[in-house]
Amino acid sequence: MARILVVEDDADVAELIRFRLTASGHLVLVASDGEEGIVAARVDAPDLVILDWMMPRKNGIEVCTELRADARFERTRILMLTARAKEADIASAYAAGVDDYVTKPFSPRELLARVQRLIV
């Protein structure tokens, strides 16, 4: 069982991810914007963060950069889940420190497989 933080401003997408991951035995926390995501990560120390890019208050790249600058999150995996599919966006996300990148719309089955790969 992994502790997973989902930072996603679309409530329906967040609930789908939460439901699927919980059904797979993981403890799932949800934050609805970038600022809330950073606070939740600091309080709950997740093993994995699933992070949307386009969110209010702080975007996913800003959240990723801030988490990567904090030694407490050195081993925390970050998966970017976003509608941004351009090569430059993907390269920017990896440069910011994400461990994996999935574009929306996404397959819940594929997302679960990538989560399993990251938390091993």
Foldseek 3Di string as FASTA:
>chain_A
DWEEEEAAQPVVVLVVLCVLVVVVPYHYHYHNFLVRSLVCCVVPVTQEYEAEADGPPHGRLRSLLVLCVDPSCVRRAYEYEYQDDDPVVVVSSVVSPHPYYHYPPDDSVVVVVVVVVSND
